[in-house]
C-alpha atoms as a PDB file:
ATOM      1  CA  MET A   1      30.524 -45.032 -19.055  1.00  0.00           C
ATOM      2  CA  THR A   2      34.209 -44.706 -19.715  1.00  0.00           C
ATOM      3  CA  THR A   3      35.698 -48.169 -20.059  1.00  0.00           C
ATOM      4  CA  ALA A   4      39.309 -47.391 -19.186  1.00  0.00           C
ATOM      5  CA  VAL A   5      40.270 -45.401 -16.118  1.00  0.00           C
ATOM      6  CA  THR A   6      43.330 -43.206 -16.502  1.00  0.00           C
ATOM      7  CA  GLN A   7      45.330 -42.352 -13.392  1.00  0.00           C
ATOM      8  CA  LEU A   8      44.957 -38.648 -12.719  1.00  0.00           C
ATOM      9  CA  GLY A   9      46.755 -36.305 -10.361  1.00  0.00           C
ATOM     10  CA  PRO A  10      47.188 -32.610  -9.545  1.00  0.00           C
ATOM     11  CA  SER A  11      49.537 -32.223 -12.520  1.00  0.00           C
ATOM     12  CA  ASP A  12      46.623 -32.957 -14.859  1.00  0.00           C
ATOM     13  CA  VAL A  13      44.672 -30.099 -13.296  1.00  0.00           C
ATOM     14  CA  HIS A  14      47.692 -27.832 -13.757  1.00  0.00           C
ATOM     15  CA  SER A  15      47.967 -28.823 -17.422  1.00  0.00           C
ATOM     16  CA  ALA A  16      44.258 -28.214 -17.933  1.00  0.00           C
ATOM     17  CA  ALA A  17      44.548 -24.738 -16.427  1.00  0.00           C
ATOM     18  CA  GLY A  18      47.158 -23.785 -18.995  1.00  0.00           C
ATOM     19  CA  ARG A  19      45.215 -25.316 -21.869  1.00  0.00           C
ATOM     20  CA  ILE A  20      41.906 -23.596 -21.169  1.00  0.00           C
ATOM     21  CA  ALA A  21      43.205 -20.221 -19.970  1.00  0.00           C
ATOM     22  CA  GLY A  22      42.152 -18.358 -23.100  1.00  0.00           C
ATOM     23  CA  HIS A  23      38.652 -19.821 -23.127  1.00  0.00           C
ATOM     24  CA  VAL A  24      37.377 -19.594 -19.546  1.00  0.00           C
ATOM     25  CA  ARG A  25      37.017 -16.921 -16.918  1.00  0.00           C
ATOM     26  CA  ARG A  26      38.860 -17.077 -13.616  1.00  0.00           C
ATOM     27  CA  THR A  27      35.809 -16.523 -11.443  1.00  0.00           C
ATOM     28  CA  PRO A  28      36.033 -14.748  -8.080  1.00  0.00           C
ATOM     29  CA  VAL A  29      35.662 -16.084  -4.560  1.00  0.00           C
ATOM     30  CA  LEU A  30      33.204 -13.743  -2.855  1.00  0.00           C
ATOM     31  CA  PRO A  31      31.977 -13.278   0.729  1.00  0.00           C
ATOM     32  CA  LEU A  32      28.360 -14.276   1.312  1.00  0.00           C
ATOM     33  CA  LEU A  33      27.782 -14.927   5.021  1.00  0.00           C
ATOM     34  CA  PRO A  34      30.038 -14.887   8.084  1.00  0.00           C
ATOM     35  CA  GLY A  35      32.427 -17.796   7.551  1.00  0.00           C
ATOM     36  CA  VAL A  36      30.938 -18.674   4.154  1.00  0.00           C
ATOM     37  CA  LEU A  37      32.406 -17.666   0.794  1.00  0.00           C
ATOM     38  CA  ILE A  38      31.206 -18.609  -2.665  1.00  0.00           C
ATOM     39  CA  LYS A  39      33.126 -19.543  -5.809  1.00  0.00           C
ATOM     40  CA  ALA A  40      31.050 -17.704  -8.395  1.00  0.00           C
ATOM     41  CA  GLU A  41      30.985 -20.093 -11.351  1.00  0.00           C
ATOM     42  CA  ASN A  42      27.610 -18.585 -12.227  1.00  0.00           C
ATOM     43  CA  ARG A  43      29.769 -15.844 -13.775  1.00  0.00           C
ATOM     44  CA  GLN A  44      31.521 -18.278 -16.107  1.00  0.00           C
ATOM     45  CA  HIS A  45      31.202 -17.453 -19.815  1.00  0.00           C
ATOM     46  CA  SER A  46      28.678 -20.230 -20.522  1.00  0.00           C
ATOM     47  CA  GLY A  47      26.863 -19.670 -17.243  1.00  0.00           C
ATOM     48  CA  SER A  48      28.402 -22.655 -15.440  1.00  0.00           C
ATOM     49  CA  PHE A  49      31.609 -24.453 -14.510  1.00  0.00           C
ATOM     50  CA  LYS A  50      30.978 -26.937 -17.318  1.00  0.00           C
ATOM     51  CA  LEU A  51      32.916 -24.759 -19.744  1.00  0.00           C
ATOM     52  CA  ARG A  52      36.172 -25.742 -18.015  1.00  0.00           C
ATOM     53  CA  GLY A  53      35.981 -29.478 -18.613  1.00  0.00           C
ATOM     54  CA  ALA A  54      34.423 -29.042 -22.029  1.00  0.00           C
ATOM     55  CA  ALA A  55      37.202 -26.710 -23.165  1.00  0.00           C
ATOM     56  CA  ASN A  56      39.910 -29.004 -21.827  1.00  0.00           C
ATOM     57  CA  ALA A  57      38.468 -32.001 -23.691  1.00  0.00           C
ATOM     58  CA  VAL A  58      37.779 -30.187 -26.957  1.00  0.00           C
ATOM     59  CA  LEU A  59      41.198 -28.534 -27.122  1.00  0.00           C
ATOM     60  CA  ALA A  60      43.034 -31.755 -26.292  1.00  0.00           C
ATOM     61  CA  LEU A  61      41.047 -33.982 -28.653  1.00  0.00           C
ATOM     62  CA  GLY A  62      41.010 -31.655 -31.644  1.00  0.00           C
ATOM     63  CA  ALA A  63      38.009 -33.491 -33.147  1.00  0.00           C
ATOM     64  CA  ASP A  64      35.835 -31.966 -35.867  1.00  0.00           C
ATOM     65  CA  ARG A  65      32.673 -33.811 -34.770  1.00  0.00           C
ATOM     66  CA  ILE A  66      31.540 -34.277 -31.174  1.00  0.00           C
ATOM     67  CA  VAL A  67      28.579 -36.029 -29.580  1.00  0.00           C
ATOM     68  CA  THR A  68      27.632 -35.595 -25.947  1.00  0.00           C
ATOM     69  CA  GLY A  69      24.849 -36.367 -23.497  1.00  0.00           C
ATOM     70  CA  SER A  70      23.853 -33.462 -21.290  1.00  0.00           C
ATOM     71  CA  SER A  71      21.279 -32.183 -18.847  1.00  0.00           C
ATOM     72  CA  GLY A  72      21.896 -28.761 -20.381  1.00  0.00           C
ATOM     73  CA  ASN A  73      24.899 -26.861 -19.063  1.00  0.00           C
ATOM     74  CA  HIS A  74      27.540 -29.169 -20.548  1.00  0.00           C
ATOM     75  CA  GLY A  75      25.739 -28.960 -23.884  1.00  0.00           C
ATOM     76  CA  ILE A  76      25.611 -25.157 -23.658  1.00  0.00           C
ATOM     77  CA  ALA A  77      29.350 -25.059 -22.913  1.00  0.00           C
ATOM     78  CA  LEU A  78      30.181 -27.287 -25.872  1.00  0.00           C
ATOM     79  CA  ALA A  79      27.839 -25.368 -28.172  1.00  0.00           C
ATOM     80  CA  ARG A  80      29.558 -22.122 -27.240  1.00  0.00           C
ATOM     81  CA  LEU A  81      32.935 -23.685 -27.998  1.00  0.00           C
ATOM     82  CA  ALA A  82      31.651 -25.110 -31.280  1.00  0.00           C
ATOM     83  CA  GLY A  83      30.749 -21.619 -32.386  1.00  0.00           C
ATOM     84  CA  THR A  84      34.307 -20.390 -31.944  1.00  0.00           C
ATOM     85  CA  LEU A  85      36.364 -23.510 -32.705  1.00  0.00           C
ATOM     86  CA  GLY A  86      34.387 -24.818 -35.669  1.00  0.00           C
ATOM     87  CA  PHE A  87      33.415 -28.392 -34.788  1.00  0.00           C
ATOM     88  CA  ARG A  88      30.021 -30.003 -35.376  1.00  0.00           C
ATOM     89  CA  LEU A  89      28.077 -30.855 -32.235  1.00  0.00           C
ATOM     90  CA  THR A  90      25.157 -33.133 -31.399  1.00  0.00           C
ATOM     91  CA  VAL A  91      23.712 -33.024 -27.873  1.00  0.00           C
ATOM     92  CA  VAL A  92      21.567 -35.921 -26.649  1.00  0.00           C
ATOM     93  CA  LEU A  93      19.045 -34.911 -23.986  1.00  0.00           C
ATOM     94  CA  ALA A  94      16.952 -37.083 -21.698  1.00  0.00           C
ATOM     95  CA  ALA A  95      13.199 -36.743 -21.488  1.00  0.00           C
ATOM     96  CA  GLY A  96      12.456 -34.041 -18.943  1.00  0.00           C
ATOM     97  CA  ALA A  97      15.529 -31.960 -19.775  1.00  0.00           C
ATOM     98  CA  ASN A  98      15.173 -28.240 -19.120  1.00  0.00           C
ATOM     99  CA  PRO A  99      13.481 -26.850 -22.271  1.00  0.00           C
ATOM    100  CA  ALA A 100      15.105 -23.435 -21.890  1.00  0.00           C
ATOM    101  CA  LYS A 101      18.557 -25.047 -21.857  1.00  0.00           C
ATOM    102  CA  ALA A 102      17.669 -27.147 -24.900  1.00  0.00           C
ATOM    103  CA  ALA A 103      16.501 -24.013 -26.707  1.00  0.00           C
ATOM    104  CA  LEU A 104      19.779 -22.212 -26.027  1.00  0.00           C
ATOM    105  CA  ILE A 105      21.819 -25.203 -27.222  1.00  0.00           C
ATOM    106  CA  GLN A 106      19.872 -25.114 -30.475  1.00  0.00           C
ATOM    107  CA  ALA A 107      20.192 -21.336 -30.756  1.00  0.00           C
ATOM    108  CA  LEU A 108      23.956 -21.692 -30.457  1.00  0.00           C
ATOM    109  CA  GLY A 109      23.900 -23.931 -33.524  1.00  0.00           C
ATOM    110  CA  ALA A 110      24.083 -27.460 -32.138  1.00  0.00           C
ATOM    111  CA  ARG A 111      21.831 -30.334 -33.149  1.00  0.00           C
ATOM    112  CA  THR A 112      19.798 -31.840 -30.293  1.00  0.00           C
ATOM    113  CA  LEU A 113      18.222 -35.256 -29.922  1.00  0.00           C
ATOM    114  CA  THR A 114      15.851 -36.166 -27.083  1.00  0.00           C
ATOM    115  CA  VAL A 115      15.484 -39.783 -25.965  1.00  0.00           C
ATOM    116  CA  PRO A 116      13.047 -41.462 -23.573  1.00  0.00           C
ATOM    117  CA  GLY A 117      14.176 -42.374 -20.078  1.00  0.00           C
ATOM    118  CA  GLY A 118      16.705 -40.823 -17.756  1.00  0.00           C
ATOM    119  CA  VAL A 119      20.364 -39.895 -17.729  1.00  0.00           C
ATOM    120  CA  ALA A 120      21.531 -43.509 -18.084  1.00  0.00           C
ATOM    121  CA  GLU A 121      19.523 -44.009 -21.287  1.00  0.00           C
ATOM    122  CA  ARG A 122      20.762 -40.665 -22.569  1.00  0.00           C
ATOM    123  CA  GLU A 123      24.385 -41.654 -22.103  1.00  0.00           C
ATOM    124  CA  VAL A 124      23.907 -44.977 -23.880  1.00  0.00           C
ATOM    125  CA  ARG A 125      22.328 -43.265 -26.881  1.00  0.00           C
ATOM    126  CA  ALA A 126      25.021 -40.585 -27.034  1.00  0.00           C
ATOM    127  CA  ARG A 127      27.825 -43.139 -26.933  1.00  0.00           C
ATOM    128  CA  ASP A 128      26.133 -45.276 -29.596  1.00  0.00           C
ATOM    129  CA  LEU A 129      25.590 -42.255 -31.818  1.00  0.00           C
ATOM    130  CA  ALA A 130      29.247 -41.262 -31.554  1.00  0.00           C
ATOM    131  CA  GLN A 131      30.310 -44.763 -32.572  1.00  0.00           C
ATOM    132  CA  GLU A 132      27.839 -44.841 -35.458  1.00  0.00           C
ATOM    133  CA  THR A 133      28.991 -41.500 -36.871  1.00  0.00           C
ATOM    134  CA  GLY A 134      32.706 -41.623 -36.049  1.00  0.00           C
ATOM    135  CA  ALA A 135      32.425 -38.558 -33.816  1.00  0.00           C
ATOM    136  CA  ALA A 136      34.306 -38.061 -30.567  1.00  0.00           C
ATOM    137  CA  PHE A 137      32.215 -38.799 -27.478  1.00  0.00           C
ATOM    138  CA  VAL A 138      32.707 -36.123 -24.823  1.00  0.00           C
ATOM    139  CA  PRO A 139      30.597 -37.031 -21.772  1.00  0.00           C
ATOM    140  CA  SER A 140      29.597 -34.469 -19.185  1.00  0.00           C
ATOM    141  CA  SER A 141      31.663 -35.929 -16.331  1.00  0.00           C
ATOM    142  CA  ASP A 142      33.048 -39.426 -16.909  1.00  0.00           C
ATOM    143  CA  HIS A 143      36.227 -38.595 -18.815  1.00  0.00           C
ATOM    144  CA  PRO A 144      39.773 -37.822 -17.591  1.00  0.00           C
ATOM    145  CA  LEU A 145      39.966 -34.566 -19.542  1.00  0.00           C
ATOM    146  CA  ILE A 146      36.615 -33.409 -18.173  1.00  0.00           C
ATOM    147  CA  VAL A 147      37.613 -34.172 -14.585  1.00  0.00           C
ATOM    148  CA  ALA A 148      40.972 -32.414 -14.951  1.00  0.00           C
ATOM    149  CA  GLY A 149      39.297 -29.345 -16.445  1.00  0.00           C
ATOM    150  CA  GLN A 150      36.727 -29.139 -13.656  1.00  0.00           C
ATOM    151  CA  GLY A 151      39.568 -29.439 -11.166  1.00  0.00           C
ATOM    152  CA  THR A 152      40.644 -25.923 -12.058  1.00  0.00           C
ATOM    153  CA  VAL A 153      37.723 -24.715  -9.936  1.00  0.00           C
ATOM    154  CA  GLY A 154      39.445 -26.281  -6.941  1.00  0.00           C
ATOM    155  CA  SER A 155      42.931 -25.056  -7.805  1.00  0.00           C
ATOM    156  CA  GLU A 156      41.651 -21.484  -8.122  1.00  0.00           C
ATOM    157  CA  ILE A 157      39.899 -21.697  -4.756  1.00  0.00           C
ATOM    158  CA  LEU A 158      43.036 -22.975  -3.059  1.00  0.00           C
ATOM    159  CA  ALA A 159      45.169 -20.303  -4.721  1.00  0.00           C
ATOM    160  CA  ASP A 160      42.799 -17.486  -3.758  1.00  0.00           C
ATOM    161  CA  VAL A 161      41.978 -18.704  -0.230  1.00  0.00           C
ATOM    162  CA  PRO A 162      44.894 -20.957   0.784  1.00  0.00           C
ATOM    163  CA  ASP A 163      43.784 -21.141   4.428  1.00  0.00           C
ATOM    164  CA  ILE A 164      40.232 -22.297   3.674  1.00  0.00           C
ATOM    165  CA  ASP A 165      38.987 -25.115   5.900  1.00  0.00           C
ATOM    166  CA  THR A 166      36.198 -26.718   3.836  1.00  0.00           C
ATOM    167  CA  VAL A 167      35.035 -26.702   0.232  1.00  0.00           C
ATOM    168  CA  TYR A 168      31.448 -27.722  -0.512  1.00  0.00           C
ATOM    169  CA  VAL A 169      30.945 -29.098  -4.024  1.00  0.00           C
ATOM    170  CA  PRO A 170      27.665 -29.900  -5.821  1.00  0.00           C
ATOM    171  CA  THR A 171      27.679 -33.516  -6.941  1.00  0.00           C
ATOM    172  CA  GLY A 172      25.875 -35.082  -9.878  1.00  0.00           C
ATOM    173  CA  GLY A 173      27.981 -37.145 -12.262  1.00  0.00           C
ATOM    174  CA  GLY A 174      30.948 -36.402 -10.027  1.00  0.00           C
ATOM    175  CA  GLY A 175      33.255 -34.631 -12.479  1.00  0.00           C
ATOM    176  CA  LEU A 176      33.462 -31.427 -10.461  1.00  0.00           C
ATOM    177  CA  LEU A 177      33.820 -33.173  -7.101  1.00  0.00           C
ATOM    178  CA  ALA A 178      36.523 -35.475  -8.461  1.00  0.00           C
ATOM    179  CA  GLY A 179      38.331 -32.507  -9.984  1.00  0.00           C
ATOM    180  CA  VAL A 180      38.295 -30.588  -6.703  1.00  0.00           C
ATOM    181  CA  CYS A 181      39.548 -33.730  -4.946  1.00  0.00           C
ATOM    182  CA  LEU A 182      42.469 -33.843  -7.391  1.00  0.00           C
ATOM    183  CA  ALA A 183      43.292 -30.208  -6.763  1.00  0.00           C
ATOM    184  CA  ALA A 184      43.136 -30.792  -2.996  1.00  0.00           C
ATOM    185  CA  TYR A 185      45.485 -33.788  -2.875  1.00  0.00           C
ATOM    186  CA  GLY A 186      48.089 -33.164  -0.199  1.00  0.00           C
ATOM    187  CA  ARG A 187      46.303 -30.059   1.078  1.00  0.00           C
ATOM    188  CA  PRO A 188      44.782 -29.775   4.593  1.00  0.00           C
ATOM    189  CA  VAL A 189      41.305 -28.881   3.357  1.00  0.00           C
ATOM    190  CA  ARG A 190      38.070 -30.790   3.825  1.00  0.00           C
ATOM    191  CA  VAL A 191      36.238 -31.608   0.603  1.00  0.00           C
ATOM    192  CA  VAL A 192      32.513 -32.235   1.024  1.00  0.00           C
ATOM    193  CA  GLY A 193      30.295 -33.414  -1.807  1.00  0.00           C
ATOM    194  CA  VAL A 194      26.648 -32.311  -1.675  1.00  0.00           C
ATOM    195  CA  GLU A 195      24.006 -34.402  -3.456  1.00  0.00           C
ATOM    196  CA  PRO A 196      20.252 -33.924  -3.860  1.00  0.00           C
ATOM    197  CA  ALA A 197      18.504 -36.197  -1.374  1.00  0.00           C
ATOM    198  CA  ALA A 198      16.450 -37.607  -4.248  1.00  0.00           C
ATOM    199  CA  THR A 199      19.530 -39.083  -5.918  1.00  0.00           C
ATOM    200  CA  PRO A 200      22.438 -39.753  -3.516  1.00  0.00           C
ATOM    201  CA  ARG A 201      24.310 -42.004  -5.961  1.00  0.00           C
ATOM    202  CA  TYR A 202      27.780 -41.380  -4.534  1.00  0.00           C
ATOM    203  CA  ALA A 203      26.832 -41.757  -0.883  1.00  0.00           C
ATOM    204  CA  ARG A 204      25.064 -45.047  -1.572  1.00  0.00           C
ATOM    205  CA  SER A 205      27.798 -46.308  -3.878  1.00  0.00           C
ATOM    206  CA  LEU A 206      30.587 -45.571  -1.395  1.00  0.00           C
ATOM    207  CA  ALA A 207      28.576 -47.262   1.350  1.00  0.00           C
ATOM    208  CA  ALA A 208      28.164 -50.332  -0.877  1.00  0.00           C
ATOM    209  CA  GLY A 209      31.803 -50.323  -1.939  1.00  0.00           C
ATOM    210  CA  ARG A 210      30.962 -50.191  -5.642  1.00  0.00           C
ATOM    211  CA  PRO A 211      29.157 -47.920  -8.113  1.00  0.00           C
ATOM    212  CA  LEU A 212      25.382 -48.321  -7.959  1.00  0.00           C
ATOM    213  CA  ARG A 213      22.756 -47.219 -10.444  1.00  0.00           C
ATOM    214  CA  LEU A 214      19.738 -45.404  -9.003  1.00  0.00           C
ATOM    215  CA  PRO A 215      16.341 -44.810 -10.654  1.00  0.00           C
ATOM    216  CA  PRO A 216      15.767 -41.542 -12.546  1.00  0.00           C
ATOM    217  CA  SER A 217      15.153 -38.543 -10.299  1.00  0.00           C
ATOM    218  CA  ALA A 218      12.969 -35.467 -10.629  1.00  0.00           C
ATOM    219  CA  THR A 219      14.952 -33.314  -8.194  1.00  0.00           C
ATOM    220  CA  VAL A 220      14.643 -29.559  -8.681  1.00  0.00           C
ATOM    221  CA  ALA A 221      18.416 -29.584  -9.272  1.00  0.00           C
ATOM    222  CA  ASP A 222      18.016 -30.647 -12.887  1.00  0.00           C
ATOM    223  CA  GLY A 223      21.762 -30.622 -13.548  1.00  0.00           C
ATOM    224  CA  LEU A 224      22.402 -33.201 -10.819  1.00  0.00           C
ATOM    225  CA  ARG A 225      20.100 -36.023 -11.911  1.00  0.00           C
ATOM    226  CA  GLY A 226      22.864 -38.465 -12.828  1.00  0.00           C
ATOM    227  CA  GLN A 227      21.898 -42.003 -11.873  1.00  0.00           C
ATOM    228  CA  GLN A 228      25.296 -43.576 -11.219  1.00  0.00           C
ATOM    229  CA  PRO A 229      28.907 -42.615 -10.515  1.00  0.00           C
ATOM    230  CA  GLY A 230      31.333 -42.457 -13.401  1.00  0.00           C
ATOM    231  CA  LEU A 231      34.214 -44.888 -13.588  1.00  0.00           C
ATOM    232  CA  VAL A 232      36.710 -42.017 -13.773  1.00  0.00           C
ATOM    233  CA  PRO A 233      35.363 -39.850 -10.892  1.00  0.00           C
ATOM    234  CA  TYR A 234      34.403 -42.698  -8.561  1.00  0.00           C
ATOM    235  CA  PRO A 235      37.847 -43.870  -7.351  1.00  0.00           C
ATOM    236  CA  ILE A 236      39.111 -40.298  -7.045  1.00  0.00           C
ATOM    237  CA  ILE A 237      36.164 -39.353  -4.857  1.00  0.00           C
ATOM    238  CA  ARG A 238      36.370 -42.585  -2.891  1.00  0.00           C
ATOM    239  CA  ASP A 239      40.008 -41.969  -2.017  1.00  0.00           C
ATOM    240  CA  ARG A 240      39.893 -38.246  -1.204  1.00  0.00           C
ATOM    241  CA  VAL A 241      36.430 -36.914  -0.313  1.00  0.00           C
ATOM    242  CA  ASP A 242      35.956 -36.198   3.388  1.00  0.00           C
ATOM    243  CA  ASP A 243      32.173 -36.332   3.532  1.00  0.00           C
ATOM    244  CA  LEU A 244      29.032 -36.562   1.436  1.00  0.00           C
ATOM    245  CA  VAL A 245      25.826 -34.885   2.521  1.00  0.00           C
ATOM    246  CA  ALA A 246      22.336 -34.922   1.017  1.00  0.00           C
ATOM    247  CA  VAL A 247      19.999 -31.916   0.867  1.00  0.00           C
ATOM    248  CA  ALA A 248      16.270 -31.856   0.224  1.00  0.00           C
ATOM    249  CA  ASP A 249      14.722 -29.884  -2.614  1.00  0.00           C
ATOM    250  CA  SER A 250      13.313 -27.443  -0.035  1.00  0.00           C
ATOM    251  CA  GLU A 251      16.844 -26.727   1.204  1.00  0.00           C
ATOM    252  CA  ILE A 252      18.077 -26.273  -2.368  1.00  0.00           C
ATOM    253  CA  LEU A 253      15.312 -23.768  -3.110  1.00  0.00           C
ATOM    254  CA  ALA A 254      15.999 -21.918   0.148  1.00  0.00           C
ATOM    255  CA  ALA A 255      19.682 -21.618  -0.767  1.00  0.00           C
ATOM    256  CA  THR A 256      18.738 -20.426  -4.261  1.00  0.00           C
ATOM    257  CA  ALA A 257      16.510 -17.749  -2.756  1.00  0.00           C
ATOM    258  CA  LEU A 258      19.234 -16.669  -0.317  1.00  0.00           C
ATOM    259  CA  LEU A 259      21.680 -16.224  -3.165  1.00  0.00           C
ATOM    260  CA  GLY A 260      19.092 -14.200  -5.047  1.00  0.00           C
ATOM    261  CA  ARG A 261      18.597 -11.883  -2.079  1.00  0.00           C
ATOM    262  CA  CYS A 262      22.352 -11.362  -2.018  1.00  0.00           C
ATOM    263  CA  GLY A 263      22.411 -10.441  -5.702  1.00  0.00           C
ATOM    264  CA  VAL A 264      23.755 -13.771  -6.953  1.00  0.00           C
ATOM    265  CA  GLU A 265      21.808 -15.280  -9.850  1.00  0.00           C
ATOM    266  CA  ALA A 266      21.939 -19.056  -9.429  1.00  0.00           C
ATOM    267  CA  GLU A 267      19.923 -21.960 -10.741  1.00  0.00           C
ATOM    268  CA  PRO A 268      18.878 -24.624  -8.194  1.00  0.00           C
ATOM    269  CA  SER A 269      21.723 -26.966  -9.196  1.00  0.00           C
ATOM    270  CA  GLY A 270      24.127 -24.094  -8.628  1.00  0.00           C
ATOM    271  CA  ALA A 271      22.868 -23.569  -5.076  1.00  0.00           C
ATOM    272  CA  VAL A 272      23.213 -27.179  -3.891  1.00  0.00           C
ATOM    273  CA  ALA A 273      26.676 -26.726  -2.377  1.00  0.00           C
ATOM    274  CA  LEU A 274      25.497 -23.702  -0.413  1.00  0.00           C
ATOM    275  CA  ALA A 275      22.555 -25.753   0.857  1.00  0.00           C
ATOM    276  CA  GLY A 276      25.091 -28.249   2.192  1.00  0.00           C
ATOM    277  CA  ALA A 277      27.121 -25.517   3.863  1.00  0.00           C
ATOM    278  CA  LEU A 278      23.993 -24.072   5.466  1.00  0.00           C
ATOM    279  CA  ARG A 279      23.002 -27.492   6.737  1.00  0.00           C
ATOM    280  CA  ALA A 280      26.415 -27.847   8.404  1.00  0.00           C
ATOM    281  CA  GLY A 281      25.779 -24.590  10.258  1.00  0.00           C
ATOM    282  CA  ARG A 282      28.395 -22.405  11.898  1.00  0.00           C
ATOM    283  CA  ARG A 283      31.329 -24.700  12.654  1.00  0.00           C
ATOM    284  CA  GLY A 284      33.809 -21.980  13.496  1.00  0.00           C
ATOM    285  CA  ASP A 285      35.726 -22.626  10.285  1.00  0.00           C
ATOM    286  CA  ARG A 286      35.817 -20.911   6.899  1.00  0.00           C
ATOM    287  CA  ALA A 287      34.090 -22.580   4.005  1.00  0.00           C
ATOM    288  CA  VAL A 288      33.730 -22.039   0.270  1.00  0.00           C
ATOM    289  CA  ALA A 289      30.581 -23.242  -1.481  1.00  0.00           C
ATOM    290  CA  VAL A 290      30.849 -23.631  -5.260  1.00  0.00           C
ATOM    291  CA  VAL A 291      27.955 -21.846  -6.959  1.00  0.00           C
ATOM    292  CA  SER A 292      28.252 -24.004 -10.028  1.00  0.00           C
ATOM    293  CA  GLY A 293      25.787 -22.345 -12.384  1.00  0.00           C
ATOM    294  CA  GLY A 294      23.554 -19.363 -13.013  1.00  0.00           C
ATOM    295  CA  ASN A 295      21.504 -20.538 -15.974  1.00  0.00           C
ATOM    296  CA  THR A 296      18.107 -19.583 -14.659  1.00  0.00           C
ATOM    297  CA  THR A 297      15.126 -19.696 -16.966  1.00  0.00           C
ATOM    298  CA  ALA A 298      15.162 -15.911 -17.371  1.00  0.00           C
ATOM    299  CA  ALA A 299      18.892 -15.842 -18.112  1.00  0.00           C
ATOM    300  CA  LEU A 300      18.596 -18.695 -20.603  1.00  0.00           C
ATOM    301  CA  ARG A 301      15.758 -17.017 -22.473  1.00  0.00           C
ATOM    302  CA  ALA A 302      17.695 -13.754 -22.654  1.00  0.00           C
ATOM    303  CA  ALA A 303      20.799 -15.554 -23.929  1.00  0.00           C
ATOM    304  CA  THR A 304      18.698 -17.391 -26.518  1.00  0.00           C
ATOM    305  CA  VAL A 305      17.316 -14.116 -27.847  1.00  0.00           C
ATOM    306  CA  ARG A 306      20.860 -12.747 -28.133  1.00  0.00           C
ATOM    307  CA  SER A 307      22.032 -15.892 -29.953  1.00  0.00           C
ATOM    308  CA  PRO A 308      19.755 -16.292 -33.006  1.00  0.00           C
ATOM    309  CA  SER A 309      19.598 -19.784 -34.461  1.00  0.00           C
ATOM    310  CA  ARG A 310      22.279 -20.562 -36.996  1.00  0.00           C
ATOM    311  CA  SER A 311      22.574 -23.232 -39.616  1.00  0.00           C
ATOM    312  CA  SER A 312      24.118 -26.384 -38.201  1.00  0.00           C
ATOM    313  CA  HIS A 313      26.536 -26.153 -41.116  1.00  0.00           C
ATOM    314  CA  ASP A 314      27.996 -22.817 -39.977  1.00  0.00           C
ATOM    315  CA  HIS A 315      30.039 -23.319 -36.823  1.00  0.00           C
ATOM    316  CA  ARG A 316      32.651 -20.697 -37.587  1.00  0.00           C
ATOM    317  CA  ARG A 317      30.609 -17.672 -36.637  1.00  0.00           C
ATOM    318  CA  HIS A 318      31.442 -16.048 -33.305  1.00  0.00           C
ATOM    319  CA  HIS A 319      28.739 -15.303 -30.757  1.00  0.00           C
ATOM    320  CA  ARG A 320      27.921 -12.008 -29.157  1.00  0.00           C
ATOM    321  CA  PRO A 321      28.912 -11.903 -25.470  1.00  0.00           C
ATOM    322  CA  ASP A 322      26.192 -13.027 -23.092  1.00  0.00           C
ATOM    323  CA  ARG A 323      25.410 -11.659 -19.651  1.00  0.00           C
ATOM    324  CA  HIS A 324      28.259 -13.653 -18.100  1.00  0.00           C
ATOM    325  CA  ASP A 325      30.762 -11.816 -20.298  1.00  0.00           C
ATOM    326  CA  ARG A 326      29.663  -8.626 -18.663  1.00  0.00           C
ATOM    327  CA  GLY A 327      29.899  -9.777 -15.045  1.00  0.00           C
ATOM    328  CA  PRO A 328      27.226  -9.908 -12.385  1.00  0.00           C
ATOM    329  CA  ALA A 329      23.774  -7.928 -11.611  1.00  0.00           C
ATOM    330  CA  GLY A 330      46.075 -36.684 -23.729  1.00  0.00           C
ATOM    331  CA  HIS A 331      42.859 -38.767 -24.455  1.00  0.00           C
ATOM    332  CA  ARG A 332      42.293 -38.988 -28.179  1.00  0.00           C
ATOM    333  CA  LEU A 333      39.707 -41.399 -29.538  1.00  0.00           C
ATOM    334  CA  PRO A 334      40.779 -43.725 -32.363  1.00  0.00           C
ATOM    335  CA  GLY A 335      39.597 -42.896 -35.841  1.00  0.00           C
ATOM    336  CA  VAL A 336      38.778 -39.260 -35.086  1.00  0.00           C
ATOM    337  CA  PRO A 337      40.571 -36.844 -37.424  1.00  0.00           C
ATOM    338  CA  ARG A 338      42.251 -33.825 -35.929  1.00  0.00           C
ATOM    339  CA  ARG A 339      40.831 -30.452 -36.827  1.00  0.00           C
ATOM    340  CA  ALA A 340      43.915 -28.597 -35.648  1.00  0.00           C
ATOM    341  CA  ARG A 341      46.960 -29.192 -33.538  1.00  0.00           C
ATOM    342  CA  PRO A 342      45.800 -29.200 -29.908  1.00  0.00           C
ATOM    343  CA  ARG A 343      47.386 -26.931 -27.370  1.00  0.00           C
ATOM    344  CA  PRO A 344      49.882 -28.600 -25.021  1.00  0.00           C
END
């Protein structure tokens, strides 16, 4: 976990938006059901919102070697960036990680390493490996630059639908929820975090008044299996979130199926926020549910075929656009050399 917590605010989200503008897509807010809209991050270039935080961190750090721990989507986002920006990437995966996501990370040219245990063990190994090799450690959620980058999801929602009443946010490590909370500071909008019922780490931690570590989970939402809150997201969420709700795997799968019937390709993790909105029912208000990812097994396999494996020594080659390119169906680590001058 991050050892030093940096005070963040809406200005950090604004700075991140400018930094990442040339690397991410401004995804649309689309109608789904009466009173329910979706923020379609499944249309993001890497297939999920993770590209936002990853791009913000990579561009600000300017490192030529990066190590991360990932359930898949963060690793895919970083691997995509590595292909265009030229840094070397190692992605540490926990046992039980989605094999199709691991295959795409490898096809994009990154090195992968799988370790026994859950997300907590994965993060320890990734941090140790970064220290051993002198690489920059870019975690999937517990970093100020990651949180600020993910906050651009919230700032776009509030710009596009300024009179929205509630935003439902899928919650794993907490980077996206914390980022949306930052974007919503001073705004009259309810922010609701939605966790898989199998791993309600934020709800239990807030109830206890301190971050708690839960056992590994096998929830169908494989991207939301984090075992404990991050030190950076936790206080932001504690101070701004309006509610946390838990949804069962059956509700997550039902929401995934509903999105599919409406022509929205979403993985189970990407449908968690909608499951929370559906559980709340018709409240008479307008809500946005963040569809955080669309990396289904079929989409991942197709993207892997279009991205043939490259030598880990060639990170300068650009990738062909994937399906998401075509639309629907401050915190430098010591001792890390700069590859190029980061954008302001």
